[in-house]
Amino acid sequence: MSVWEQVSLNKLGILEKGIQKHHPQYDTCLFEGGSVPFLQTLNCQNDKLHPIELTKYYNKLGILQSKQFKKDTVCITNHGRIGDAVILKNPTCLSAHLFGFNSFKNVSDPKFIKYCFNYSKIKKLCNVISSAVSATKELTLDRILKIPFPNPPFELQQKIGKILSTYDLLIENYQRQIEEAKKQ
């Protein structure tokens, strides 16, 4: 059995903050006729593998003032429900209240990293350090990089991520079936 080294997220991949340069940030001119998903904190729930109920889509103007994150990016909330995480299914722009984490190839697994944020110890650390300086909770890049994350061998990360995500997908499928049955 191997010992799991503890490292900061920047040793496992690239962590960037979502960008919204235009003010007001939710100006309708950014969304009219849009087709690129725009992810907000309300779309990120820790008990889900992927974002839920996307309702806003950027148009070309919206994309120009933002940054598009690729499929399999782990999105982490830094305001509101601190430390909730989901994985993108498609290229998506993130609100400024989210971090996007992209794993280094053969170093970390996105699903494993997502599930690290479900782990109570990491979740608690995210909440404690986000409110350590001010009354308003905010998880900054500097603060999140102070949190130690487990770093088992890459193959084990993949195995853990695959097992946990399989259960999540089954649960989500059953929930959809229940909702459909209620409509009938």
N, C-alpha and C. Protein backbone atom coordinates (compact mmCIF):
# COMPACT_ATOMS: atom_id res chain seq x y z
N MET A 1 0.85 -1.19 0.00
CA MET A 1 0.00 0.00 0.00
C MET A 1 0.88 1.24 0.00
N SER A 2 0.56 2.18 -0.83
CA SER A 2 1.38 3.39 -0.95
C SER A 2 0.91 4.48 0.01
N VAL A 3 1.82 5.37 0.36
CA VAL A 3 1.51 6.52 1.19
C VAL A 3 1.04 7.64 0.27
N TRP A 4 -0.04 8.30 0.67
CA TRP A 4 -0.58 9.38 -0.14
C TRP A 4 0.08 10.69 0.26
N GLU A 5 0.90 11.20 -0.62
CA GLU A 5 1.54 12.50 -0.42
C GLU A 5 0.46 13.59 -0.41
N GLN A 6 0.68 14.65 0.36
CA GLN A 6 -0.22 15.80 0.40
C GLN A 6 0.45 16.95 -0.37
N VAL A 7 -0.27 17.51 -1.35
CA VAL A 7 0.30 18.59 -2.16
C VAL A 7 -0.75 19.68 -2.40
N SER A 8 -0.30 20.84 -2.84
CA SER A 8 -1.24 21.91 -3.21
C SER A 8 -1.75 21.65 -4.63
N LEU A 9 -2.89 22.25 -4.95
CA LEU A 9 -3.51 22.03 -6.26
C LEU A 9 -2.61 22.40 -7.44
N ASN A 10 -1.74 23.40 -7.26
CA ASN A 10 -0.89 23.81 -8.39
C ASN A 10 0.17 22.76 -8.73
N LYS A 11 0.33 21.75 -7.90
CA LYS A 11 1.23 20.62 -8.21
C LYS A 11 0.49 19.55 -9.01
N LEU A 12 -0.83 19.66 -9.04
CA LEU A 12 -1.67 18.66 -9.69
C LEU A 12 -2.27 19.13 -11.01
N GLY A 13 -2.25 20.44 -11.23
CA GLY A 13 -2.83 20.99 -12.45
C GLY A 13 -2.81 22.50 -12.44
N ILE A 14 -3.55 23.09 -13.38
CA ILE A 14 -3.62 24.55 -13.51
C ILE A 14 -4.94 25.02 -12.93
N LEU A 15 -4.87 25.98 -12.02
CA LEU A 15 -6.05 26.54 -11.38
C LEU A 15 -6.18 28.00 -11.81
N GLU A 16 -7.34 28.34 -12.40
CA GLU A 16 -7.58 29.71 -12.87
C GLU A 16 -8.96 30.17 -12.43
N LYS A 17 -9.11 31.46 -12.29
CA LYS A 17 -10.40 32.02 -11.92
C LYS A 17 -11.21 32.33 -13.18
N GLY A 18 -12.53 32.13 -13.09
CA GLY A 18 -13.40 32.53 -14.18
C GLY A 18 -13.31 34.03 -14.40
N ILE A 19 -13.63 34.48 -15.62
CA ILE A 19 -13.46 35.89 -15.97
C ILE A 19 -14.78 36.47 -16.46
N GLN A 20 -15.12 37.65 -15.95
CA GLN A 20 -16.23 38.46 -16.46
C GLN A 20 -15.75 39.90 -16.46
N LYS A 21 -15.30 40.40 -17.61
CA LYS A 21 -14.75 41.76 -17.70
C LYS A 21 -15.82 42.83 -17.86
N HIS A 22 -16.92 42.49 -18.53
CA HIS A 22 -17.97 43.46 -18.85
C HIS A 22 -18.79 43.80 -17.61
N HIS A 23 -19.15 45.08 -17.47
CA HIS A 23 -20.04 45.50 -16.38
C HIS A 23 -21.22 46.25 -16.97
N PRO A 24 -22.45 45.98 -16.57
CA PRO A 24 -22.79 44.98 -15.57
C PRO A 24 -22.53 43.56 -16.08
N GLN A 25 -22.18 42.68 -15.17
CA GLN A 25 -21.77 41.33 -15.54
C GLN A 25 -22.86 40.50 -16.21
N TYR A 26 -24.12 40.84 -15.92
CA TYR A 26 -25.22 40.05 -16.49
C TYR A 26 -26.03 40.86 -17.50
N ASP A 27 -25.36 41.77 -18.19
CA ASP A 27 -25.97 42.59 -19.23
C ASP A 27 -26.55 41.66 -20.31
N THR A 28 -27.78 41.91 -20.70
CA THR A 28 -28.45 41.04 -21.68
C THR A 28 -27.72 40.99 -23.02
N CYS A 29 -26.95 42.04 -23.36
CA CYS A 29 -26.24 42.06 -24.65
C CYS A 29 -25.19 40.94 -24.72
N LEU A 30 -24.79 40.37 -23.60
CA LEU A 30 -23.80 39.28 -23.58
C LEU A 30 -24.43 37.92 -23.87
N PHE A 31 -25.76 37.84 -23.76
CA PHE A 31 -26.44 36.55 -23.82
C PHE A 31 -27.40 36.38 -24.99
N GLU A 32 -27.88 37.48 -25.59
CA GLU A 32 -28.88 37.40 -26.66
C GLU A 32 -28.38 36.54 -27.81
N GLY A 33 -29.09 35.45 -28.09
CA GLY A 33 -28.71 34.55 -29.17
C GLY A 33 -27.48 33.72 -28.86
N GLY A 34 -27.11 33.62 -27.61
CA GLY A 34 -25.90 32.90 -27.21
C GLY A 34 -26.02 31.39 -27.29
N SER A 35 -24.87 30.73 -27.47
CA SER A 35 -24.85 29.27 -27.57
C SER A 35 -23.77 28.62 -26.70
N VAL A 36 -22.87 29.41 -26.11
CA VAL A 36 -21.81 28.86 -25.27
C VAL A 36 -22.26 28.92 -23.81
N PRO A 37 -22.33 27.78 -23.12
CA PRO A 37 -22.81 27.76 -21.74
C PRO A 37 -22.02 28.70 -20.83
N PHE A 38 -22.75 29.35 -19.92
CA PHE A 38 -22.17 30.22 -18.90
C PHE A 38 -22.51 29.61 -17.54
N LEU A 39 -21.49 29.19 -16.82
CA LEU A 39 -21.68 28.49 -15.55
C LEU A 39 -21.57 29.44 -14.37
N GLN A 40 -22.56 29.37 -13.48
CA GLN A 40 -22.59 30.19 -12.27
C GLN A 40 -22.56 29.27 -11.05
N THR A 41 -22.35 29.86 -9.87
CA THR A 41 -22.29 29.04 -8.65
C THR A 41 -23.58 28.26 -8.42
N LEU A 42 -24.72 28.81 -8.78
CA LEU A 42 -25.98 28.11 -8.55
C LEU A 42 -26.10 26.84 -9.38
N ASN A 43 -25.28 26.69 -10.42
CA ASN A 43 -25.29 25.48 -11.24
C ASN A 43 -24.35 24.41 -10.71
N CYS A 44 -23.63 24.71 -9.64
CA CYS A 44 -22.65 23.78 -9.07
C CYS A 44 -23.14 23.27 -7.73
N GLN A 45 -23.44 21.99 -7.69
CA GLN A 45 -23.84 21.37 -6.43
C GLN A 45 -22.96 20.16 -6.19
N ASN A 46 -22.39 20.10 -5.00
CA ASN A 46 -21.41 19.08 -4.67
C ASN A 46 -21.94 17.66 -4.84
N ASP A 47 -23.25 17.47 -4.74
CA ASP A 47 -23.79 16.12 -4.85
C ASP A 47 -24.01 15.71 -6.31
N LYS A 48 -23.61 16.55 -7.24
CA LYS A 48 -23.75 16.25 -8.67
C LYS A 48 -22.36 16.15 -9.31
N LEU A 49 -22.24 15.30 -10.31
CA LEU A 49 -20.97 15.16 -11.03
C LEU A 49 -20.78 16.31 -12.02
N HIS A 50 -21.87 16.69 -12.68
CA HIS A 50 -21.82 17.72 -13.72
C HIS A 50 -22.73 18.90 -13.34
N PRO A 51 -22.54 20.06 -13.99
CA PRO A 51 -23.40 21.22 -13.70
C PRO A 51 -24.87 20.90 -13.96
N ILE A 52 -25.74 21.59 -13.21
CA ILE A 52 -27.17 21.37 -13.37
C ILE A 52 -27.85 22.62 -13.94
N GLU A 53 -28.91 22.40 -14.69
CA GLU A 53 -29.82 23.45 -15.15
C GLU A 53 -29.14 24.72 -15.65
N LEU A 54 -28.29 24.59 -16.66
CA LEU A 54 -27.69 25.79 -17.25
C LEU A 54 -28.77 26.57 -17.98
N THR A 55 -28.87 27.86 -17.67
CA THR A 55 -29.92 28.68 -18.27
C THR A 55 -29.37 29.87 -19.05
N LYS A 56 -28.10 30.19 -18.87
CA LYS A 56 -27.51 31.33 -19.57
C LYS A 56 -26.44 30.83 -20.55
N TYR A 57 -26.43 31.47 -21.73
CA TYR A 57 -25.47 31.11 -22.77
C TYR A 57 -24.90 32.38 -23.36
N TYR A 58 -23.58 32.46 -23.40
CA TYR A 58 -22.92 33.63 -23.96
C TYR A 58 -23.00 33.62 -25.49
N ASN A 59 -23.11 34.83 -26.05
CA ASN A 59 -22.96 35.02 -27.49
C ASN A 59 -21.50 35.41 -27.75
N LYS A 60 -21.19 35.84 -28.97
CA LYS A 60 -19.79 36.19 -29.30
C LYS A 60 -19.25 37.30 -28.41
N LEU A 61 -20.07 38.30 -28.13
CA LEU A 61 -19.65 39.41 -27.26
C LEU A 61 -19.36 38.90 -25.84
N GLY A 62 -20.21 38.00 -25.36
CA GLY A 62 -20.01 37.42 -24.03
C GLY A 62 -18.72 36.63 -23.95
N ILE A 63 -18.44 35.86 -24.98
CA ILE A 63 -17.22 35.04 -25.01
C ILE A 63 -15.98 35.92 -25.03
N LEU A 64 -16.03 37.03 -25.78
CA LEU A 64 -14.87 37.93 -25.88
C LEU A 64 -14.45 38.53 -24.54
N GLN A 65 -15.40 38.73 -23.64
CA GLN A 65 -15.08 39.35 -22.35
C GLN A 65 -14.89 38.30 -21.24
N SER A 66 -14.85 37.03 -21.64
CA SER A 66 -14.75 35.95 -20.67
C SER A 66 -13.60 35.02 -21.05
N LYS A 67 -13.62 33.82 -20.54
CA LYS A 67 -12.64 32.79 -20.89
C LYS A 67 -13.38 31.47 -20.96
N GLN A 68 -13.13 30.74 -22.03
CA GLN A 68 -13.78 29.45 -22.20
C GLN A 68 -12.89 28.36 -21.60
N PHE A 69 -13.48 27.51 -20.76
CA PHE A 69 -12.77 26.39 -20.16
C PHE A 69 -13.17 25.11 -20.88
N LYS A 70 -12.23 24.20 -21.04
CA LYS A 70 -12.47 22.99 -21.83
C LYS A 70 -13.25 21.92 -21.06
N LYS A 71 -13.73 20.95 -21.81
CA LYS A 71 -14.40 19.78 -21.25
C LYS A 71 -13.48 19.15 -20.20
N ASP A 72 -14.05 18.57 -19.16
CA ASP A 72 -13.34 17.91 -18.05
C ASP A 72 -12.64 18.87 -17.09
N THR A 73 -12.91 20.17 -17.22
CA THR A 73 -12.42 21.13 -16.23
C THR A 73 -13.22 20.92 -14.95
N VAL A 74 -12.53 20.90 -13.81
CA VAL A 74 -13.21 20.84 -12.51
C VAL A 74 -13.52 22.28 -12.12
N CYS A 75 -14.79 22.58 -11.90
CA CYS A 75 -15.22 23.94 -11.53
C CYS A 75 -15.52 23.98 -10.04
N ILE A 76 -14.92 24.94 -9.34
CA ILE A 76 -14.99 25.02 -7.89
C ILE A 76 -15.55 26.38 -7.50
N THR A 77 -16.57 26.39 -6.65
CA THR A 77 -17.17 27.65 -6.22
C THR A 77 -16.26 28.36 -5.22
N ASN A 78 -16.12 29.68 -5.39
CA ASN A 78 -15.30 30.45 -4.46
C ASN A 78 -16.11 31.51 -3.71
N HIS A 79 -17.41 31.55 -3.92
CA HIS A 79 -18.36 32.43 -3.21
C HIS A 79 -19.61 31.60 -2.92
N GLY A 80 -20.39 32.01 -1.95
CA GLY A 80 -21.63 31.29 -1.64
C GLY A 80 -21.33 29.97 -0.99
N ARG A 81 -21.75 28.89 -1.64
CA ARG A 81 -21.44 27.55 -1.14
C ARG A 81 -20.00 27.23 -1.50
N ILE A 82 -19.09 27.62 -0.66
CA ILE A 82 -17.65 27.51 -0.92
C ILE A 82 -17.23 26.05 -1.10
N GLY A 83 -16.44 25.81 -2.15
CA GLY A 83 -15.83 24.51 -2.35
C GLY A 83 -16.70 23.46 -3.00
N ASP A 84 -17.88 23.82 -3.50
CA ASP A 84 -18.66 22.86 -4.27
C ASP A 84 -17.97 22.69 -5.62
N ALA A 85 -18.00 21.48 -6.16
CA ALA A 85 -17.26 21.22 -7.40
C ALA A 85 -18.07 20.34 -8.34
N VAL A 86 -17.94 20.63 -9.63
CA VAL A 86 -18.55 19.83 -10.70
C VAL A 86 -17.54 19.75 -11.85
N ILE A 87 -17.79 18.84 -12.78
CA ILE A 87 -16.91 18.67 -13.94
C ILE A 87 -17.68 19.05 -15.21
N LEU A 88 -17.05 19.85 -16.06
CA LEU A 88 -17.69 20.29 -17.30
C LEU A 88 -17.82 19.14 -18.29
N LYS A 89 -18.99 19.06 -18.94
CA LYS A 89 -19.22 18.10 -20.02
C LYS A 89 -18.81 18.68 -21.37
N ASN A 90 -18.86 20.02 -21.46
CA ASN A 90 -18.59 20.73 -22.71
C ASN A 90 -17.79 21.99 -22.43
N PRO A 91 -17.16 22.58 -23.46
CA PRO A 91 -16.50 23.87 -23.25
C PRO A 91 -17.52 24.88 -22.72
N THR A 92 -17.13 25.63 -21.70
CA THR A 92 -18.04 26.51 -20.97
C THR A 92 -17.28 27.71 -20.43
N CYS A 93 -17.95 28.86 -20.35
CA CYS A 93 -17.38 30.04 -19.69
C CYS A 93 -17.82 30.03 -18.23
N LEU A 94 -16.92 30.45 -17.35
CA LEU A 94 -17.20 30.44 -15.92
C LEU A 94 -17.39 31.85 -15.38
N SER A 95 -18.29 31.98 -14.41
CA SER A 95 -18.45 33.26 -13.73
C SER A 95 -17.19 33.54 -12.92
N ALA A 96 -17.03 34.78 -12.50
CA ALA A 96 -15.87 35.16 -11.70
C ALA A 96 -15.93 34.55 -10.30
N HIS A 97 -17.03 33.91 -9.96
CA HIS A 97 -17.18 33.27 -8.65
C HIS A 97 -16.84 31.79 -8.70
N LEU A 98 -16.13 31.39 -9.75
CA LEU A 98 -15.72 29.99 -9.90
C LEU A 98 -14.25 29.91 -10.28
N PHE A 99 -13.61 28.84 -9.84
CA PHE A 99 -12.28 28.49 -10.32
C PHE A 99 -12.43 27.37 -11.32
N GLY A 100 -11.54 27.32 -12.31
CA GLY A 100 -11.46 26.20 -13.22
C GLY A 100 -10.13 25.50 -12.99
N PHE A 101 -10.18 24.18 -12.78
CA PHE A 101 -8.97 23.40 -12.54
C PHE A 101 -8.81 22.38 -13.66
N ASN A 102 -7.65 22.41 -14.33
CA ASN A 102 -7.34 21.43 -15.37
C ASN A 102 -6.14 20.61 -14.93
N SER A 103 -6.36 19.30 -14.85
CA SER A 103 -5.34 18.37 -14.37
C SER A 103 -4.15 18.29 -15.31
N PHE A 104 -2.97 18.14 -14.71
CA PHE A 104 -1.79 17.82 -15.51
C PHE A 104 -1.94 16.38 -15.98
N LYS A 105 -1.57 16.14 -17.25
CA LYS A 105 -1.68 14.81 -17.84
C LYS A 105 -0.84 13.81 -17.04
N ASN A 106 -1.44 12.68 -16.73
CA ASN A 106 -0.80 11.58 -16.00
C ASN A 106 -0.33 11.97 -14.60
N VAL A 107 -0.83 13.09 -14.07
CA VAL A 107 -0.47 13.51 -12.71
C VAL A 107 -1.70 13.47 -11.81
N SER A 108 -2.82 14.02 -12.32
CA SER A 108 -4.05 14.01 -11.52
C SER A 108 -5.25 13.72 -12.41
N ASP A 109 -6.27 13.16 -11.80
CA ASP A 109 -7.50 12.80 -12.50
C ASP A 109 -8.61 13.78 -12.12
N PRO A 110 -9.30 14.38 -13.09
CA PRO A 110 -10.33 15.37 -12.78
C PRO A 110 -11.43 14.84 -11.84
N LYS A 111 -11.86 13.62 -12.06
CA LYS A 111 -12.91 13.07 -11.20
C LYS A 111 -12.41 12.92 -9.76
N PHE A 112 -11.18 12.46 -9.60
CA PHE A 112 -10.62 12.33 -8.25
C PHE A 112 -10.55 13.70 -7.58
N ILE A 113 -10.11 14.72 -8.31
CA ILE A 113 -10.01 16.08 -7.74
C ILE A 113 -11.40 16.57 -7.35
N LYS A 114 -12.40 16.35 -8.22
CA LYS A 114 -13.78 16.76 -7.90
C LYS A 114 -14.21 16.13 -6.59
N TYR A 115 -13.95 14.83 -6.43
CA TYR A 115 -14.40 14.13 -5.22
C TYR A 115 -13.58 14.52 -3.99
N CYS A 116 -12.39 15.04 -4.18
CA CYS A 116 -11.64 15.58 -3.04
C CYS A 116 -12.43 16.71 -2.38
N PHE A 117 -13.14 17.49 -3.19
CA PHE A 117 -13.94 18.60 -2.66
C PHE A 117 -15.19 18.11 -1.92
N ASN A 118 -15.57 16.85 -2.12
CA ASN A 118 -16.68 16.26 -1.36
C ASN A 118 -16.20 15.77 0.00
N TYR A 119 -14.90 15.56 0.13
CA TYR A 119 -14.31 15.04 1.37
C TYR A 119 -14.46 16.09 2.47
N SER A 120 -15.02 15.69 3.60
CA SER A 120 -15.38 16.64 4.66
C SER A 120 -14.19 17.46 5.17
N LYS A 121 -13.02 16.86 5.23
CA LYS A 121 -11.84 17.60 5.73
C LYS A 121 -11.48 18.76 4.79
N ILE A 122 -11.47 18.50 3.49
CA ILE A 122 -11.14 19.55 2.52
C ILE A 122 -12.27 20.58 2.46
N LYS A 123 -13.51 20.12 2.49
CA LYS A 123 -14.66 21.03 2.49
C LYS A 123 -14.58 21.99 3.68
N LYS A 124 -14.26 21.44 4.85
CA LYS A 124 -14.16 22.26 6.06
C LYS A 124 -13.02 23.27 5.94
N LEU A 125 -11.86 22.83 5.43
CA LEU A 125 -10.73 23.74 5.23
C LEU A 125 -11.09 24.88 4.28
N CYS A 126 -11.79 24.56 3.20
CA CYS A 126 -12.23 25.59 2.25
C CYS A 126 -13.07 26.64 2.96
N ASN A 127 -14.00 26.20 3.78
CA ASN A 127 -14.88 27.13 4.49
C ASN A 127 -14.15 27.94 5.55
N VAL A 128 -13.24 27.30 6.28
CA VAL A 128 -12.50 28.00 7.33
C VAL A 128 -11.60 29.07 6.73
N ILE A 129 -10.83 28.73 5.70
CA ILE A 129 -9.90 29.73 5.16
C ILE A 129 -10.60 30.80 4.33
N SER A 130 -11.81 30.50 3.85
CA SER A 130 -12.53 31.51 3.07
C SER A 130 -13.10 32.62 3.95
N SER A 131 -13.28 32.34 5.22
CA SER A 131 -13.82 33.37 6.11
C SER A 131 -12.80 33.83 7.14
N ALA A 132 -11.55 33.45 6.96
CA ALA A 132 -10.50 33.77 7.94
C ALA A 132 -10.15 35.25 8.02
N VAL A 133 -10.33 36.00 6.95
CA VAL A 133 -9.88 37.38 6.91
C VAL A 133 -11.02 38.39 7.03
N SER A 134 -12.17 38.06 6.46
CA SER A 134 -13.27 39.03 6.47
C SER A 134 -14.60 38.34 6.76
N ALA A 135 -15.63 39.14 6.95
CA ALA A 135 -16.96 38.60 7.22
C ALA A 135 -17.56 37.96 5.97
N THR A 136 -17.18 38.45 4.80
CA THR A 136 -17.66 37.90 3.54
C THR A 136 -16.80 36.70 3.16
N LYS A 137 -17.45 35.56 2.93
CA LYS A 137 -16.69 34.37 2.55
C LYS A 137 -16.20 34.50 1.11
N GLU A 138 -14.91 34.31 0.94
CA GLU A 138 -14.33 34.30 -0.40
C GLU A 138 -13.12 33.39 -0.38
N LEU A 139 -13.12 32.43 -1.28
CA LEU A 139 -11.99 31.52 -1.42
C LEU A 139 -11.11 32.05 -2.54
N THR A 140 -10.01 32.70 -2.19
CA THR A 140 -9.11 33.27 -3.19
C THR A 140 -8.14 32.21 -3.70
N LEU A 141 -7.47 32.51 -4.81
CA LEU A 141 -6.45 31.59 -5.33
C LEU A 141 -5.37 31.33 -4.29
N ASP A 142 -4.89 32.38 -3.64
CA ASP A 142 -3.86 32.22 -2.62
C ASP A 142 -4.31 31.28 -1.51
N ARG A 143 -5.54 31.44 -1.09
CA ARG A 143 -6.05 30.63 0.02
C ARG A 143 -6.24 29.17 -0.38
N ILE A 144 -6.82 28.93 -1.55
CA ILE A 144 -7.07 27.54 -1.95
C ILE A 144 -5.76 26.77 -2.16
N LEU A 145 -4.72 27.49 -2.55
CA LEU A 145 -3.43 26.83 -2.76
C LEU A 145 -2.74 26.46 -1.44
N LYS A 146 -3.29 26.90 -0.32
CA LYS A 146 -2.74 26.51 0.99
C LYS A 146 -3.34 25.20 1.50
N ILE A 147 -4.37 24.72 0.83
CA ILE A 147 -5.03 23.49 1.27
C ILE A 147 -4.27 22.27 0.74
N PRO A 148 -3.90 21.34 1.61
CA PRO A 148 -3.22 20.12 1.15
C PRO A 148 -4.24 19.12 0.57
N PHE A 149 -3.95 18.64 -0.63
CA PHE A 149 -4.79 17.65 -1.30
C PHE A 149 -4.07 16.31 -1.36
N PRO A 150 -4.81 15.22 -1.23
CA PRO A 150 -4.18 13.90 -1.34
C PRO A 150 -3.70 13.67 -2.77
N ASN A 151 -2.57 13.02 -2.89
CA ASN A 151 -1.99 12.75 -4.21
C ASN A 151 -1.54 11.29 -4.29
N PRO A 152 -2.52 10.36 -4.35
CA PRO A 152 -2.14 8.96 -4.54
C PRO A 152 -1.60 8.75 -5.96
N PRO A 153 -1.05 7.59 -6.26
CA PRO A 153 -0.60 7.33 -7.63
C PRO A 153 -1.73 7.58 -8.63
N PHE A 154 -1.37 8.05 -9.81
CA PHE A 154 -2.34 8.45 -10.83
C PHE A 154 -3.35 7.33 -11.14
N GLU A 155 -2.87 6.10 -11.27
CA GLU A 155 -3.75 4.98 -11.59
C GLU A 155 -4.81 4.78 -10.50
N LEU A 156 -4.43 4.98 -9.26
CA LEU A 156 -5.37 4.86 -8.15
C LEU A 156 -6.38 6.01 -8.17
N GLN A 157 -5.92 7.20 -8.51
CA GLN A 157 -6.84 8.34 -8.65
C GLN A 157 -7.91 8.02 -9.70
N GLN A 158 -7.47 7.47 -10.83
CA GLN A 158 -8.41 7.13 -11.90
C GLN A 158 -9.44 6.10 -11.43
N LYS A 159 -8.95 5.11 -10.71
CA LYS A 159 -9.82 4.04 -10.22
C LYS A 159 -10.86 4.60 -9.25
N ILE A 160 -10.43 5.41 -8.30
CA ILE A 160 -11.34 6.02 -7.32
C ILE A 160 -12.35 6.92 -8.03
N GLY A 161 -11.87 7.77 -8.94
CA GLY A 161 -12.75 8.67 -9.68
C GLY A 161 -13.79 7.93 -10.50
N LYS A 162 -13.37 6.83 -11.13
CA LYS A 162 -14.29 6.05 -11.96
C LYS A 162 -15.37 5.39 -11.11
N ILE A 163 -14.98 4.82 -9.98
CA ILE A 163 -15.96 4.16 -9.10
C ILE A 163 -16.98 5.17 -8.57
N LEU A 164 -16.50 6.28 -8.02
CA LEU A 164 -17.41 7.27 -7.44
C LEU A 164 -18.31 7.91 -8.50
N SER A 165 -17.76 8.20 -9.68
CA SER A 165 -18.57 8.84 -10.72
C SER A 165 -19.62 7.88 -11.27
N THR A 166 -19.32 6.58 -11.29
CA THR A 166 -20.31 5.60 -11.73
C THR A 166 -21.53 5.63 -10.81
N TYR A 167 -21.28 5.69 -9.51
CA TYR A 167 -22.39 5.79 -8.56
C TYR A 167 -23.17 7.09 -8.75
N ASP A 168 -22.46 8.20 -8.93
CA ASP A 168 -23.14 9.49 -9.14
C ASP A 168 -24.02 9.46 -10.38
N LEU A 169 -23.50 8.89 -11.46
CA LEU A 169 -24.27 8.83 -12.71
C LEU A 169 -25.52 7.95 -12.54
N LEU A 170 -25.38 6.86 -11.80
CA LEU A 170 -26.54 6.00 -11.53
C LEU A 170 -27.60 6.76 -10.71
N ILE A 171 -27.16 7.46 -9.68
CA ILE A 171 -28.08 8.23 -8.85
C ILE A 171 -28.78 9.30 -9.68
N GLU A 172 -28.02 10.03 -10.50
CA GLU A 172 -28.61 11.07 -11.34
C GLU A 172 -29.63 10.47 -12.31
N ASN A 173 -29.33 9.30 -12.87
CA ASN A 173 -30.24 8.63 -13.79
C ASN A 173 -31.54 8.24 -13.07
N TYR A 174 -31.41 7.67 -11.87
CA TYR A 174 -32.60 7.31 -11.10
C TYR A 174 -33.43 8.54 -10.74
N GLN A 175 -32.77 9.63 -10.39
CA GLN A 175 -33.49 10.86 -10.06
C GLN A 175 -34.26 11.38 -11.27
N ARG A 176 -33.65 11.30 -12.46
CA ARG A 176 -34.35 11.72 -13.69
C ARG A 176 -35.58 10.83 -13.94
N GLN A 177 -35.40 9.52 -13.74
CA GLN A 177 -36.51 8.59 -13.95
C GLN A 177 -37.66 8.87 -12.97
N ILE A 178 -37.32 9.19 -11.73
CA ILE A 178 -38.34 9.51 -10.72
C ILE A 178 -39.09 10.78 -11.13
N GLU A 179 -38.35 11.80 -11.58
CA GLU A 179 -38.99 13.05 -12.01
C GLU A 179 -39.91 12.81 -13.21
N GLU A 180 -39.48 11.98 -14.15
CA GLU A 180 -40.32 11.66 -15.31
C GLU A 180 -41.57 10.91 -14.89
N ALA A 181 -41.42 9.98 -13.95
CA ALA A 181 -42.56 9.20 -13.47
C ALA A 181 -43.58 10.09 -12.76
N LYS A 182 -43.10 11.11 -12.05
CA LYS A 182 -43.99 12.04 -11.35
C LYS A 182 -44.84 12.85 -12.33
N LYS A 183 -44.30 13.09 -13.53
CA LYS A 183 -45.01 13.89 -14.54
C LYS A 183 -46.15 13.11 -15.19
N GLN A 184 -46.09 11.80 -15.10
CA GLN A 184 -47.10 10.96 -15.79
C GLN A 184 -48.35 10.79 -14.97
